[in-house]
mmCIF file of all heavy atoms, coordinates in Angstrom:
data_MODEL
# 
_entry.id   MODEL 
# 
loop_
_atom_site.group_PDB 
_atom_site.id 
_atom_site.type_symbol 
_atom_site.label_atom_id 
_atom_site.label_alt_id 
_atom_site.label_comp_id 
_atom_site.label_asym_id 
_atom_site.label_entity_id 
_atom_site.label_seq_id 
_atom_site.pdbx_PDB_ins_code 
_atom_site.Cartn_x 
_atom_site.Cartn_y 
_atom_site.Cartn_z 
_atom_site.occupancy 
_atom_site.B_iso_or_equiv 
_atom_site.pdbx_formal_charge 
_atom_site.auth_seq_id 
_atom_site.auth_comp_id 
_atom_site.auth_asym_id 
_atom_site.auth_atom_id 
_atom_site.pdbx_PDB_model_num 
ATOM 1   N N   . ALA A 1 1  ? 86.150 24.130 -30.234 1.00 0.00 ? 1  ALA A N   1 
ATOM 2   C CA  . ALA A 1 1  ? 85.436 23.010 -29.604 1.00 0.00 ? 1  ALA A CA  1 
ATOM 3   C C   . ALA A 1 1  ? 83.935 23.265 -29.645 1.00 0.00 ? 1  ALA A C   1 
ATOM 4   O O   . ALA A 1 1  ? 83.142 22.379 -30.004 1.00 0.00 ? 1  ALA A O   1 
ATOM 5   C CB  . ALA A 1 1  ? 85.904 22.842 -28.159 1.00 0.00 ? 1  ALA A CB  1 
ATOM 6   N N   . GLU A 1 2  ? 83.532 24.478 -29.274 1.00 0.00 ? 2  GLU A N   1 
ATOM 7   C CA  . GLU A 1 2  ? 82.115 24.824 -29.285 1.00 0.00 ? 2  GLU A CA  1 
ATOM 8   C C   . GLU A 1 2  ? 81.559 24.757 -30.703 1.00 0.00 ? 2  GLU A C   1 
ATOM 9   O O   . GLU A 1 2  ? 80.496 24.167 -30.946 1.00 0.00 ? 2  GLU A O   1 
ATOM 10  C CB  . GLU A 1 2  ? 81.918 26.222 -28.710 1.00 0.00 ? 2  GLU A CB  1 
ATOM 11  C CG  . GLU A 1 2  ? 80.476 26.680 -28.701 1.00 0.00 ? 2  GLU A CG  1 
ATOM 12  C CD  . GLU A 1 2  ? 80.305 28.063 -28.073 1.00 0.00 ? 2  GLU A CD  1 
ATOM 13  O OE1 . GLU A 1 2  ? 81.069 28.394 -27.139 1.00 0.00 ? 2  GLU A OE1 1 
ATOM 14  O OE2 . GLU A 1 2  ? 79.406 28.795 -28.529 1.00 0.00 ? 2  GLU A OE2 1 
ATOM 15  N N   . GLU A 1 3  ? 82.286 25.326 -31.668 1.00 0.00 ? 3  GLU A N   1 
ATOM 16  C CA  . GLU A 1 3  ? 81.784 25.364 -33.044 1.00 0.00 ? 3  GLU A CA  1 
ATOM 17  C C   . GLU A 1 3  ? 81.698 23.960 -33.647 1.00 0.00 ? 3  GLU A C   1 
ATOM 18  O O   . GLU A 1 3  ? 80.740 23.647 -34.362 1.00 0.00 ? 3  GLU A O   1 
ATOM 19  C CB  . GLU A 1 3  ? 82.671 26.257 -33.902 1.00 0.00 ? 3  GLU A CB  1 
ATOM 20  C CG  . GLU A 1 3  ? 82.531 27.736 -33.588 1.00 0.00 ? 3  GLU A CG  1 
ATOM 21  C CD  . GLU A 1 3  ? 83.022 28.618 -34.717 1.00 0.00 ? 3  GLU A CD  1 
ATOM 22  O OE1 . GLU A 1 3  ? 83.630 28.088 -35.678 1.00 0.00 ? 3  GLU A OE1 1 
ATOM 23  O OE2 . GLU A 1 3  ? 82.807 29.838 -34.658 1.00 0.00 ? 3  GLU A OE2 1 
ATOM 24  N N   . GLU A 1 4  ? 82.666 23.114 -33.375 1.00 0.00 ? 4  GLU A N   1 
ATOM 25  C CA  . GLU A 1 4  ? 82.633 21.746 -33.909 1.00 0.00 ? 4  GLU A CA  1 
ATOM 26  C C   . GLU A 1 4  ? 81.474 20.962 -33.319 1.00 0.00 ? 4  GLU A C   1 
ATOM 27  O O   . GLU A 1 4  ? 80.797 20.205 -34.016 1.00 0.00 ? 4  GLU A O   1 
ATOM 28  C CB  . GLU A 1 4  ? 83.951 21.030 -33.606 1.00 0.00 ? 4  GLU A CB  1 
ATOM 29  C CG  . GLU A 1 4  ? 85.011 21.163 -34.683 1.00 0.00 ? 4  GLU A CG  1 
ATOM 30  C CD  . GLU A 1 4  ? 84.669 20.334 -35.912 1.00 0.00 ? 4  GLU A CD  1 
ATOM 31  O OE1 . GLU A 1 4  ? 83.879 20.827 -36.749 1.00 0.00 ? 4  GLU A OE1 1 
ATOM 32  O OE2 . GLU A 1 4  ? 85.174 19.211 -36.043 1.00 0.00 ? 4  GLU A OE2 1 
ATOM 33  N N   . ALA A 1 5  ? 81.244 21.139 -32.023 1.00 0.00 ? 5  ALA A N   1 
ATOM 34  C CA  . ALA A 1 5  ? 80.134 20.434 -31.384 1.00 0.00 ? 5  ALA A CA  1 
ATOM 35  C C   . ALA A 1 5  ? 78.798 20.900 -31.952 1.00 0.00 ? 5  ALA A C   1 
ATOM 36  O O   . ALA A 1 5  ? 77.902 20.085 -32.209 1.00 0.00 ? 5  ALA A O   1 
ATOM 37  C CB  . ALA A 1 5  ? 80.185 20.643 -29.868 1.00 0.00 ? 5  ALA A CB  1 
ATOM 38  N N   . VAL A 1 6  ? 78.657 22.208 -32.171 1.00 0.00 ? 6  VAL A N   1 
ATOM 39  C CA  . VAL A 1 6  ? 77.432 22.743 -32.768 1.00 0.00 ? 6  VAL A CA  1 
ATOM 40  C C   . VAL A 1 6  ? 77.251 22.202 -34.183 1.00 0.00 ? 6  VAL A C   1 
ATOM 41  O O   . VAL A 1 6  ? 76.144 21.815 -34.583 1.00 0.00 ? 6  VAL A O   1 
ATOM 42  C CB  . VAL A 1 6  ? 77.459 24.286 -32.774 1.00 0.00 ? 6  VAL A CB  1 
ATOM 43  C CG1 . VAL A 1 6  ? 76.325 24.835 -33.633 1.00 0.00 ? 6  VAL A CG1 1 
ATOM 44  C CG2 . VAL A 1 6  ? 77.363 24.826 -31.355 1.00 0.00 ? 6  VAL A CG2 1 
ATOM 45  N N   . ALA A 1 7  ? 78.340 22.152 -34.948 1.00 0.00 ? 7  ALA A N   1 
ATOM 46  C CA  . ALA A 1 7  ? 78.269 21.595 -36.303 1.00 0.00 ? 7  ALA A CA  1 
ATOM 47  C C   . ALA A 1 7  ? 77.754 20.162 -36.259 1.00 0.00 ? 7  ALA A C   1 
ATOM 48  O O   . ALA A 1 7  ? 76.990 19.731 -37.132 1.00 0.00 ? 7  ALA A O   1 
ATOM 49  C CB  . ALA A 1 7  ? 79.638 21.654 -36.971 1.00 0.00 ? 7  ALA A CB  1 
ATOM 50  N N   . GLY A 1 8  ? 78.151 19.417 -35.232 1.00 0.00 ? 8  GLY A N   1 
ATOM 51  C CA  . GLY A 1 8  ? 77.668 18.041 -35.089 1.00 0.00 ? 8  GLY A CA  1 
ATOM 52  C C   . GLY A 1 8  ? 76.164 17.979 -34.951 1.00 0.00 ? 8  GLY A C   1 
ATOM 53  O O   . GLY A 1 8  ? 75.510 17.098 -35.532 1.00 0.00 ? 8  GLY A O   1 
ATOM 54  N N   . LEU A 1 9  ? 75.588 18.921 -34.200 1.00 0.00 ? 9  LEU A N   1 
ATOM 55  C CA  . LEU A 1 9  ? 74.130 18.969 -34.062 1.00 0.00 ? 9  LEU A CA  1 
ATOM 56  C C   . LEU A 1 9  ? 73.485 19.339 -35.398 1.00 0.00 ? 9  LEU A C   1 
ATOM 57  O O   . LEU A 1 9  ? 72.466 18.757 -35.789 1.00 0.00 ? 9  LEU A O   1 
ATOM 58  C CB  . LEU A 1 9  ? 73.744 19.984 -32.988 1.00 0.00 ? 9  LEU A CB  1 
ATOM 59  C CG  . LEU A 1 9  ? 72.246 20.188 -32.763 1.00 0.00 ? 9  LEU A CG  1 
ATOM 60  C CD1 . LEU A 1 9  ? 71.549 18.878 -32.399 1.00 0.00 ? 9  LEU A CD1 1 
ATOM 61  C CD2 . LEU A 1 9  ? 72.002 21.237 -31.685 1.00 0.00 ? 9  LEU A CD2 1 
ATOM 62  N N   . PHE A 1 10 ? 74.092 20.294 -36.117 1.00 0.00 ? 10 PHE A N   1 
ATOM 63  C CA  . PHE A 1 10 ? 73.559 20.663 -37.434 1.00 0.00 ? 10 PHE A CA  1 
ATOM 64  C C   . PHE A 1 10 ? 73.528 19.447 -38.362 1.00 0.00 ? 10 PHE A C   1 
ATOM 65  O O   . PHE A 1 10 ? 72.537 19.210 -39.068 1.00 0.00 ? 10 PHE A O   1 
ATOM 66  C CB  . PHE A 1 10 ? 74.416 21.760 -38.062 1.00 0.00 ? 10 PHE A CB  1 
ATOM 67  C CG  . PHE A 1 10 ? 74.259 23.127 -37.451 1.00 0.00 ? 10 PHE A CG  1 
ATOM 68  C CD1 . PHE A 1 10 ? 75.012 24.192 -37.922 1.00 0.00 ? 10 PHE A CD1 1 
ATOM 69  C CD2 . PHE A 1 10 ? 73.374 23.360 -36.411 1.00 0.00 ? 10 PHE A CD2 1 
ATOM 70  C CE1 . PHE A 1 10 ? 74.879 25.457 -37.384 1.00 0.00 ? 10 PHE A CE1 1 
ATOM 71  C CE2 . PHE A 1 10 ? 73.239 24.619 -35.851 1.00 0.00 ? 10 PHE A CE2 1 
ATOM 72  C CZ  . PHE A 1 10 ? 73.996 25.673 -36.351 1.00 0.00 ? 10 PHE A CZ  1 
ATOM 73  N N   . TYR A 1 11 ? 74.616 18.682 -38.360 1.00 0.00 ? 11 TYR A N   1 
ATOM 74  C CA  . TYR A 1 11 ? 74.679 17.503 -39.234 1.00 0.00 ? 11 TYR A CA  1 
ATOM 75  C C   . TYR A 1 11 ? 73.632 16.466 -38.838 1.00 0.00 ? 11 TYR A C   1 
ATOM 76  O O   . TYR A 1 11 ? 73.076 15.780 -39.697 1.00 0.00 ? 11 TYR A O   1 
ATOM 77  C CB  . TYR A 1 11 ? 76.070 16.892 -39.206 1.00 0.00 ? 11 TYR A CB  1 
ATOM 78  C CG  . TYR A 1 11 ? 77.098 17.651 -40.015 1.00 0.00 ? 11 TYR A CG  1 
ATOM 79  C CD1 . TYR A 1 11 ? 78.263 18.144 -39.418 1.00 0.00 ? 11 TYR A CD1 1 
ATOM 80  C CD2 . TYR A 1 11 ? 76.912 17.876 -41.372 1.00 0.00 ? 11 TYR A CD2 1 
ATOM 81  C CE1 . TYR A 1 11 ? 79.209 18.847 -40.160 1.00 0.00 ? 11 TYR A CE1 1 
ATOM 82  C CE2 . TYR A 1 11 ? 77.855 18.578 -42.121 1.00 0.00 ? 11 TYR A CE2 1 
ATOM 83  C CZ  . TYR A 1 11 ? 79.000 19.055 -41.512 1.00 0.00 ? 11 TYR A CZ  1 
ATOM 84  O OH  . TYR A 1 11 ? 79.937 19.752 -42.250 1.00 0.00 ? 11 TYR A OH  1 
ATOM 85  N N   . ALA A 1 12 ? 73.366 16.337 -37.546 1.00 0.00 ? 12 ALA A N   1 
ATOM 86  C CA  . ALA A 1 12 ? 72.335 15.391 -37.098 1.00 0.00 ? 12 ALA A CA  1 
ATOM 87  C C   . ALA A 1 12 ? 70.957 15.804 -37.613 1.00 0.00 ? 12 ALA A C   1 
ATOM 88  O O   . ALA A 1 12 ? 70.169 14.960 -38.060 1.00 0.00 ? 12 ALA A O   1 
ATOM 89  C CB  . ALA A 1 12 ? 72.325 15.300 -35.571 1.00 0.00 ? 12 ALA A CB  1 
ATOM 90  N N   . LEU A 1 13 ? 70.664 17.101 -37.575 1.00 0.00 ? 13 LEU A N   1 
ATOM 91  C CA  . LEU A 1 13 ? 69.379 17.593 -38.071 1.00 0.00 ? 13 LEU A CA  1 
ATOM 92  C C   . LEU A 1 13 ? 69.265 17.375 -39.578 1.00 0.00 ? 13 LEU A C   1 
ATOM 93  O O   . LEU A 1 13 ? 68.198 17.017 -40.091 1.00 0.00 ? 13 LEU A O   1 
ATOM 94  C CB  . LEU A 1 13 ? 69.225 19.081 -37.732 1.00 0.00 ? 13 LEU A CB  1 
ATOM 95  C CG  . LEU A 1 13 ? 69.050 19.394 -36.247 1.00 0.00 ? 13 LEU A CG  1 
ATOM 96  C CD1 . LEU A 1 13 ? 69.287 20.880 -35.973 1.00 0.00 ? 13 LEU A CD1 1 
ATOM 97  C CD2 . LEU A 1 13 ? 67.671 18.989 -35.752 1.00 0.00 ? 13 LEU A CD2 1 
ATOM 98  N N   . LYS A 1 14 ? 70.354 17.566 -40.287 1.00 0.00 ? 14 LYS A N   1 
ATOM 99  C CA  . LYS A 1 14 ? 70.358 17.321 -41.724 1.00 0.00 ? 14 LYS A CA  1 
ATOM 100 C C   . LYS A 1 14 ? 70.219 15.825 -42.015 1.00 0.00 ? 14 LYS A C   1 
ATOM 101 O O   . LYS A 1 14 ? 69.482 15.424 -42.924 1.00 0.00 ? 14 LYS A O   1 
ATOM 102 C CB  . LYS A 1 14 ? 71.653 17.853 -42.347 1.00 0.00 ? 14 LYS A CB  1 
ATOM 103 C CG  . LYS A 1 14 ? 71.764 19.373 -42.401 1.00 0.00 ? 14 LYS A CG  1 
ATOM 104 C CD  . LYS A 1 14 ? 73.148 19.784 -42.869 1.00 0.00 ? 14 LYS A CD  1 
ATOM 105 C CE  . LYS A 1 14 ? 73.266 21.277 -43.065 1.00 0.00 ? 14 LYS A CE  1 
ATOM 106 N NZ  . LYS A 1 14 ? 72.525 21.765 -44.254 1.00 0.00 ? 14 LYS A NZ  1 
ATOM 107 N N   . PHE A 1 15 ? 70.920 15.003 -41.238 1.00 0.00 ? 15 PHE A N   1 
ATOM 108 C CA  . PHE A 1 15 ? 70.892 13.552 -41.434 1.00 0.00 ? 15 PHE A CA  1 
ATOM 109 C C   . PHE A 1 15 ? 69.473 13.018 -41.284 1.00 0.00 ? 15 PHE A C   1 
ATOM 110 O O   . PHE A 1 15 ? 69.047 12.135 -42.038 1.00 0.00 ? 15 PHE A O   1 
ATOM 111 C CB  . PHE A 1 15 ? 71.832 12.892 -40.415 1.00 0.00 ? 15 PHE A CB  1 
ATOM 112 C CG  . PHE A 1 15 ? 71.938 11.402 -40.545 1.00 0.00 ? 15 PHE A CG  1 
ATOM 113 C CD1 . PHE A 1 15 ? 72.768 10.833 -41.492 1.00 0.00 ? 15 PHE A CD1 1 
ATOM 114 C CD2 . PHE A 1 15 ? 71.225 10.567 -39.698 1.00 0.00 ? 15 PHE A CD2 1 
ATOM 115 C CE1 . PHE A 1 15 ? 72.878 9.448  -41.612 1.00 0.00 ? 15 PHE A CE1 1 
ATOM 116 C CE2 . PHE A 1 15 ? 71.325 9.186  -39.802 1.00 0.00 ? 15 PHE A CE2 1 
ATOM 117 C CZ  . PHE A 1 15 ? 72.156 8.624  -40.766 1.00 0.00 ? 15 PHE A CZ  1 
ATOM 118 N N   . ARG A 1 16 ? 68.732 13.570 -40.320 1.00 0.00 ? 16 ARG A N   1 
ATOM 119 C CA  . ARG A 1 16 ? 67.351 13.129 -40.086 1.00 0.00 ? 16 ARG A CA  1 
ATOM 120 C C   . ARG A 1 16 ? 66.351 13.913 -40.936 1.00 0.00 ? 16 ARG A C   1 
ATOM 121 O O   . ARG A 1 16 ? 65.147 13.741 -40.793 1.00 0.00 ? 16 ARG A O   1 
ATOM 122 C CB  . ARG A 1 16 ? 67.014 13.250 -38.604 1.00 0.00 ? 16 ARG A CB  1 
ATOM 123 C CG  . ARG A 1 16 ? 67.682 12.187 -37.743 1.00 0.00 ? 16 ARG A CG  1 
ATOM 124 C CD  . ARG A 1 16 ? 67.352 10.802 -38.245 1.00 0.00 ? 16 ARG A CD  1 
ATOM 125 N NE  . ARG A 1 16 ? 68.000 9.735  -37.507 1.00 0.00 ? 16 ARG A NE  1 
ATOM 126 C CZ  . ARG A 1 16 ? 68.045 8.478  -37.923 1.00 0.00 ? 16 ARG A CZ  1 
ATOM 127 N NH1 . ARG A 1 16 ? 67.510 8.145  -39.091 1.00 0.00 ? 16 ARG A NH1 1 
ATOM 128 N NH2 . ARG A 1 16 ? 68.641 7.551  -37.216 1.00 0.00 ? 16 ARG A NH2 1 
ATOM 129 N N   . GLN A 1 17 ? 66.864 14.758 -41.802 1.00 0.00 ? 17 GLN A N   1 
ATOM 130 C CA  . GLN A 1 17 ? 66.058 15.450 -42.809 1.00 0.00 ? 17 GLN A CA  1 
ATOM 131 C C   . GLN A 1 17 ? 64.910 16.266 -42.206 1.00 0.00 ? 17 GLN A C   1 
ATOM 132 O O   . GLN A 1 17 ? 63.778 16.232 -42.686 1.00 0.00 ? 17 GLN A O   1 
ATOM 133 C CB  . GLN A 1 17 ? 65.530 14.447 -43.843 1.00 0.00 ? 17 GLN A CB  1 
ATOM 134 C CG  . GLN A 1 17 ? 66.633 13.745 -44.595 1.00 0.00 ? 17 GLN A CG  1 
ATOM 135 C CD  . GLN A 1 17 ? 66.126 12.773 -45.647 1.00 0.00 ? 17 GLN A CD  1 
ATOM 136 O OE1 . GLN A 1 17 ? 64.975 12.347 -45.632 1.00 0.00 ? 17 GLN A OE1 1 
ATOM 137 N NE2 . GLN A 1 17 ? 66.990 12.406 -46.578 1.00 0.00 ? 17 GLN A NE2 1 
ATOM 138 N N   . TYR A 1 18 ? 65.228 17.009 -41.159 1.00 0.00 ? 18 TYR A N   1 
ATOM 139 C CA  . TYR A 1 18 ? 64.241 17.938 -40.622 1.00 0.00 ? 18 TYR A CA  1 
ATOM 140 C C   . TYR A 1 18 ? 63.980 19.044 -41.649 1.00 0.00 ? 18 TYR A C   1 
ATOM 141 O O   . TYR A 1 18 ? 64.892 19.473 -42.372 1.00 0.00 ? 18 TYR A O   1 
ATOM 142 C CB  . TYR A 1 18 ? 64.722 18.529 -39.295 1.00 0.00 ? 18 TYR A CB  1 
ATOM 143 C CG  . TYR A 1 18 ? 64.433 17.636 -38.117 1.00 0.00 ? 18 TYR A CG  1 
ATOM 144 C CD1 . TYR A 1 18 ? 65.318 16.626 -37.760 1.00 0.00 ? 18 TYR A CD1 1 
ATOM 145 C CD2 . TYR A 1 18 ? 63.268 17.781 -37.382 1.00 0.00 ? 18 TYR A CD2 1 
ATOM 146 C CE1 . TYR A 1 18 ? 65.045 15.779 -36.696 1.00 0.00 ? 18 TYR A CE1 1 
ATOM 147 C CE2 . TYR A 1 18 ? 62.979 16.946 -36.311 1.00 0.00 ? 18 TYR A CE2 1 
ATOM 148 C CZ  . TYR A 1 18 ? 63.875 15.941 -35.977 1.00 0.00 ? 18 TYR A CZ  1 
ATOM 149 O OH  . TYR A 1 18 ? 63.586 15.101 -34.927 1.00 0.00 ? 18 TYR A OH  1 
ATOM 150 N N   . LYS A 1 19 ? 62.737 19.469 -41.709 1.00 0.00 ? 19 LYS A N   1 
ATOM 151 C CA  . LYS A 1 19 ? 62.368 20.513 -42.655 1.00 0.00 ? 19 LYS A CA  1 
ATOM 152 C C   . LYS A 1 19 ? 63.175 21.778 -42.385 1.00 0.00 ? 19 LYS A C   1 
ATOM 153 O O   . LYS A 1 19 ? 63.321 22.203 -41.235 1.00 0.00 ? 19 LYS A O   1 
ATOM 154 C CB  . LYS A 1 19 ? 60.869 20.819 -42.530 1.00 0.00 ? 19 LYS A CB  1 
ATOM 155 C CG  . LYS A 1 19 ? 60.367 21.795 -43.586 1.00 0.00 ? 19 LYS A CG  1 
ATOM 156 C CD  . LYS A 1 19 ? 58.865 22.008 -43.456 1.00 0.00 ? 19 LYS A CD  1 
ATOM 157 C CE  . LYS A 1 19 ? 58.370 22.986 -44.518 1.00 0.00 ? 19 LYS A CE  1 
ATOM 158 N NZ  . LYS A 1 19 ? 56.906 23.201 -44.415 1.00 0.00 ? 19 LYS A NZ  1 
ATOM 159 N N   . ASN A 1 20 ? 63.712 22.365 -43.424 1.00 0.00 ? 20 ASN A N   1 
ATOM 160 C CA  . ASN A 1 20 ? 64.525 23.588 -43.384 1.00 0.00 ? 20 ASN A CA  1 
ATOM 161 C C   . ASN A 1 20 ? 65.933 23.367 -42.835 1.00 0.00 ? 20 ASN A C   1 
ATOM 162 O O   . ASN A 1 20 ? 66.708 24.327 -42.732 1.00 0.00 ? 20 ASN A O   1 
ATOM 163 C CB  . ASN A 1 20 ? 63.839 24.697 -42.577 1.00 0.00 ? 20 ASN A CB  1 
ATOM 164 C CG  . ASN A 1 20 ? 62.527 25.145 -43.191 1.00 0.00 ? 20 ASN A CG  1 
ATOM 165 O OD1 . ASN A 1 20 ? 62.417 25.264 -44.414 1.00 0.00 ? 20 ASN A OD1 1 
ATOM 166 N ND2 . ASN A 1 20 ? 61.513 25.368 -42.367 1.00 0.00 ? 20 ASN A ND2 1 
ATOM 167 N N   . ALA A 1 21 ? 66.293 22.127 -42.476 1.00 0.00 ? 21 ALA A N   1 
ATOM 168 C CA  . ALA A 1 21 ? 67.651 21.881 -41.970 1.00 0.00 ? 21 ALA A CA  1 
ATOM 169 C C   . ALA A 1 21 ? 68.709 22.203 -43.020 1.00 0.00 ? 21 ALA A C   1 
ATOM 170 O O   . ALA A 1 21 ? 69.867 22.483 -42.672 1.00 0.00 ? 21 ALA A O   1 
ATOM 171 C CB  . ALA A 1 21 ? 67.784 20.428 -41.508 1.00 0.00 ? 21 ALA A CB  1 
ATOM 172 N N   . LYS A 1 22 ? 68.317 22.193 -44.300 1.00 0.00 ? 22 LYS A N   1 
ATOM 173 C CA  . LYS A 1 22 ? 69.261 22.549 -45.359 1.00 0.00 ? 22 LYS A CA  1 
ATOM 174 C C   . LYS A 1 22 ? 69.727 23.995 -45.238 1.00 0.00 ? 22 LYS A C   1 
ATOM 175 O O   . LYS A 1 22 ? 70.763 24.364 -45.811 1.00 0.00 ? 22 LYS A O   1 
ATOM 176 C CB  . LYS A 1 22 ? 68.628 22.323 -46.732 1.00 0.00 ? 22 LYS A CB  1 
ATOM 177 C CG  . LYS A 1 22 ? 68.405 20.852 -47.082 1.00 0.00 ? 22 LYS A CG  1 
ATOM 178 C CD  . LYS A 1 22 ? 67.803 20.714 -48.474 1.00 0.00 ? 22 LYS A CD  1 
ATOM 179 C CE  . LYS A 1 22 ? 67.601 19.233 -48.828 1.00 0.00 ? 22 LYS A CE  1 
ATOM 180 N NZ  . LYS A 1 22 ? 66.986 19.077 -50.175 1.00 0.00 ? 22 LYS A NZ  1 
ATOM 181 N N   . GLN A 1 23 ? 68.961 24.807 -44.509 1.00 0.00 ? 23 GLN A N   1 
ATOM 182 C CA  . GLN A 1 23 ? 69.335 26.210 -44.315 1.00 0.00 ? 23 GLN A CA  1 
ATOM 183 C C   . GLN A 1 23 ? 70.475 26.361 -43.307 1.00 0.00 ? 23 GLN A C   1 
ATOM 184 O O   . GLN A 1 23 ? 71.074 27.439 -43.209 1.00 0.00 ? 23 GLN A O   1 
ATOM 185 C CB  . GLN A 1 23 ? 68.123 27.015 -43.833 1.00 0.00 ? 23 GLN A CB  1 
ATOM 186 C CG  . GLN A 1 23 ? 66.974 27.072 -44.819 1.00 0.00 ? 23 GLN A CG  1 
ATOM 187 C CD  . GLN A 1 23 ? 67.307 27.873 -46.057 1.00 0.00 ? 23 GLN A CD  1 
ATOM 188 O OE1 . GLN A 1 23 ? 68.128 28.793 -46.022 1.00 0.00 ? 23 GLN A OE1 1 
ATOM 189 N NE2 . GLN A 1 23 ? 66.681 27.524 -47.171 1.00 0.00 ? 23 GLN A NE2 1 
ATOM 190 N N   . LEU A 1 24 ? 70.776 25.311 -42.549 1.00 0.00 ? 24 LEU A N   1 
ATOM 191 C CA  . LEU A 1 24 ? 71.881 25.362 -41.588 1.00 0.00 ? 24 LEU A CA  1 
ATOM 192 C C   . LEU A 1 24 ? 73.200 25.162 -42.319 1.00 0.00 ? 24 LEU A C   1 
ATOM 193 O O   . LEU A 1 24 ? 73.332 24.247 -43.121 1.00 0.00 ? 24 LEU A O   1 
ATOM 194 C CB  . LEU A 1 24 ? 71.725 24.264 -40.530 1.00 0.00 ? 24 LEU A CB  1 
ATOM 195 C CG  . LEU A 1 24 ? 70.504 24.348 -39.615 1.00 0.00 ? 24 LEU A CG  1 
ATOM 196 C CD1 . LEU A 1 24 ? 70.365 23.053 -38.816 1.00 0.00 ? 24 LEU A CD1 1 
ATOM 197 C CD2 . LEU A 1 24 ? 70.602 25.550 -38.690 1.00 0.00 ? 24 LEU A CD2 1 
ATOM 198 N N   . ASN A 1 25 ? 74.155 26.005 -42.022 1.00 0.00 ? 25 ASN A N   1 
ATOM 199 C CA  . ASN A 1 25 ? 75.479 25.885 -42.653 1.00 0.00 ? 25 ASN A CA  1 
ATOM 200 C C   . ASN A 1 25 ? 76.524 25.570 -41.584 1.00 0.00 ? 25 ASN A C   1 
ATOM 201 O O   . ASN A 1 25 ? 76.928 26.450 -40.832 1.00 0.00 ? 25 ASN A O   1 
ATOM 202 C CB  . ASN A 1 25 ? 75.844 27.182 -43.370 1.00 0.00 ? 25 ASN A CB  1 
ATOM 203 C CG  . ASN A 1 25 ? 77.135 27.057 -44.166 1.00 0.00 ? 25 ASN A CG  1 
ATOM 204 O OD1 . ASN A 1 25 ? 77.870 26.074 -44.041 1.00 0.00 ? 25 ASN A OD1 1 
ATOM 205 N ND2 . ASN A 1 25 ? 77.413 28.040 -44.988 1.00 0.00 ? 25 ASN A ND2 1 
ATOM 206 N N   . PRO A 1 26 ? 76.977 24.318 -41.513 1.00 0.00 ? 26 PRO A N   1 
ATOM 207 C CA  . PRO A 1 26 ? 77.963 23.944 -40.479 1.00 0.00 ? 26 PRO A CA  1 
ATOM 208 C C   . PRO A 1 26 ? 79.310 24.634 -40.638 1.00 0.00 ? 26 PRO A C   1 
ATOM 209 O O   . PRO A 1 26 ? 80.149 24.548 -39.743 1.00 0.00 ? 26 PRO A O   1 
ATOM 210 C CB  . PRO A 1 26 ? 78.103 22.423 -40.682 1.00 0.00 ? 26 PRO A CB  1 
ATOM 211 C CG  . PRO A 1 26 ? 76.853 22.005 -41.380 1.00 0.00 ? 26 PRO A CG  1 
ATOM 212 C CD  . PRO A 1 26 ? 76.508 23.157 -42.273 1.00 0.00 ? 26 PRO A CD  1 
ATOM 213 N N   . ARG A 1 27 ? 79.520 25.319 -41.762 1.00 0.00 ? 27 ARG A N   1 
ATOM 214 C CA  . ARG A 1 27 ? 80.781 26.044 -41.971 1.00 0.00 ? 27 ARG A CA  1 
ATOM 215 C C   . ARG A 1 27 ? 80.645 27.543 -41.686 1.00 0.00 ? 27 ARG A C   1 
ATOM 216 O O   . ARG A 1 27 ? 81.646 28.262 -41.741 1.00 0.00 ? 27 ARG A O   1 
ATOM 217 C CB  . ARG A 1 27 ? 81.270 25.841 -43.415 1.00 0.00 ? 27 ARG A CB  1 
ATOM 218 C CG  . ARG A 1 27 ? 81.624 24.399 -43.746 1.00 0.00 ? 27 ARG A CG  1 
ATOM 219 C CD  . ARG A 1 27 ? 82.092 24.277 -45.189 1.00 0.00 ? 27 ARG A CD  1 
ATOM 220 N NE  . ARG A 1 27 ? 82.439 22.922 -45.535 1.00 0.00 ? 27 ARG A NE  1 
ATOM 221 C CZ  . ARG A 1 27 ? 83.627 22.359 -45.329 1.00 0.00 ? 27 ARG A CZ  1 
ATOM 222 N NH1 . ARG A 1 27 ? 84.586 23.086 -44.772 1.00 0.00 ? 27 ARG A NH1 1 
ATOM 223 N NH2 . ARG A 1 27 ? 83.867 21.122 -45.672 1.00 0.00 ? 27 ARG A NH2 1 
ATOM 224 N N   . ASP A 1 28 ? 79.441 27.983 -41.415 1.00 0.00 ? 28 ASP A N   1 
ATOM 225 C CA  . ASP A 1 28 ? 79.194 29.402 -41.196 1.00 0.00 ? 28 ASP A CA  1 
ATOM 226 C C   . ASP A 1 28 ? 79.385 29.735 -39.719 1.00 0.00 ? 28 ASP A C   1 
ATOM 227 O O   . ASP A 1 28 ? 78.659 29.235 -38.858 1.00 0.00 ? 28 ASP A O   1 
ATOM 228 C CB  . ASP A 1 28 ? 77.762 29.748 -41.643 1.00 0.00 ? 28 ASP A CB  1 
ATOM 229 C CG  . ASP A 1 28 ? 77.488 31.244 -41.659 1.00 0.00 ? 28 ASP A CG  1 
ATOM 230 O OD1 . ASP A 1 28 ? 77.775 31.915 -40.647 1.00 0.00 ? 28 ASP A OD1 1 
ATOM 231 O OD2 . ASP A 1 28 ? 76.984 31.736 -42.681 1.00 0.00 ? 28 ASP A OD2 1 
ATOM 232 N N   . HIS A 1 29 ? 80.356 30.602 -39.428 1.00 0.00 ? 29 HIS A N   1 
ATOM 233 C CA  . HIS A 1 29 ? 80.665 30.926 -38.029 1.00 0.00 ? 29 HIS A CA  1 
ATOM 234 C C   . HIS A 1 29 ? 79.496 31.629 -37.342 1.00 0.00 ? 29 HIS A C   1 
ATOM 235 O O   . HIS A 1 29 ? 79.293 31.461 -36.133 1.00 0.00 ? 29 HIS A O   1 
ATOM 236 C CB  . HIS A 1 29 ? 81.914 31.806 -37.944 1.00 0.00 ? 29 HIS A CB  1 
ATOM 237 C CG  . HIS A 1 29 ? 83.161 31.118 -38.391 1.00 0.00 ? 29 HIS A CG  1 
ATOM 238 N ND1 . HIS A 1 29 ? 83.576 29.921 -37.859 1.00 0.00 ? 29 HIS A ND1 1 
ATOM 239 C CD2 . HIS A 1 29 ? 84.086 31.448 -39.342 1.00 0.00 ? 29 HIS A CD2 1 
ATOM 240 C CE1 . HIS A 1 29 ? 84.709 29.550 -38.444 1.00 0.00 ? 29 HIS A CE1 1 
ATOM 241 N NE2 . HIS A 1 29 ? 85.026 30.457 -39.349 1.00 0.00 ? 29 HIS A NE2 1 
# 
């Protein structure tokens, strides 16, 4: 639950194209 919710935040940052957000890996524990 915690990891999925965090992944959701990562995807939001990527969706809004924040600089360096590509470095976030929603699959990386």
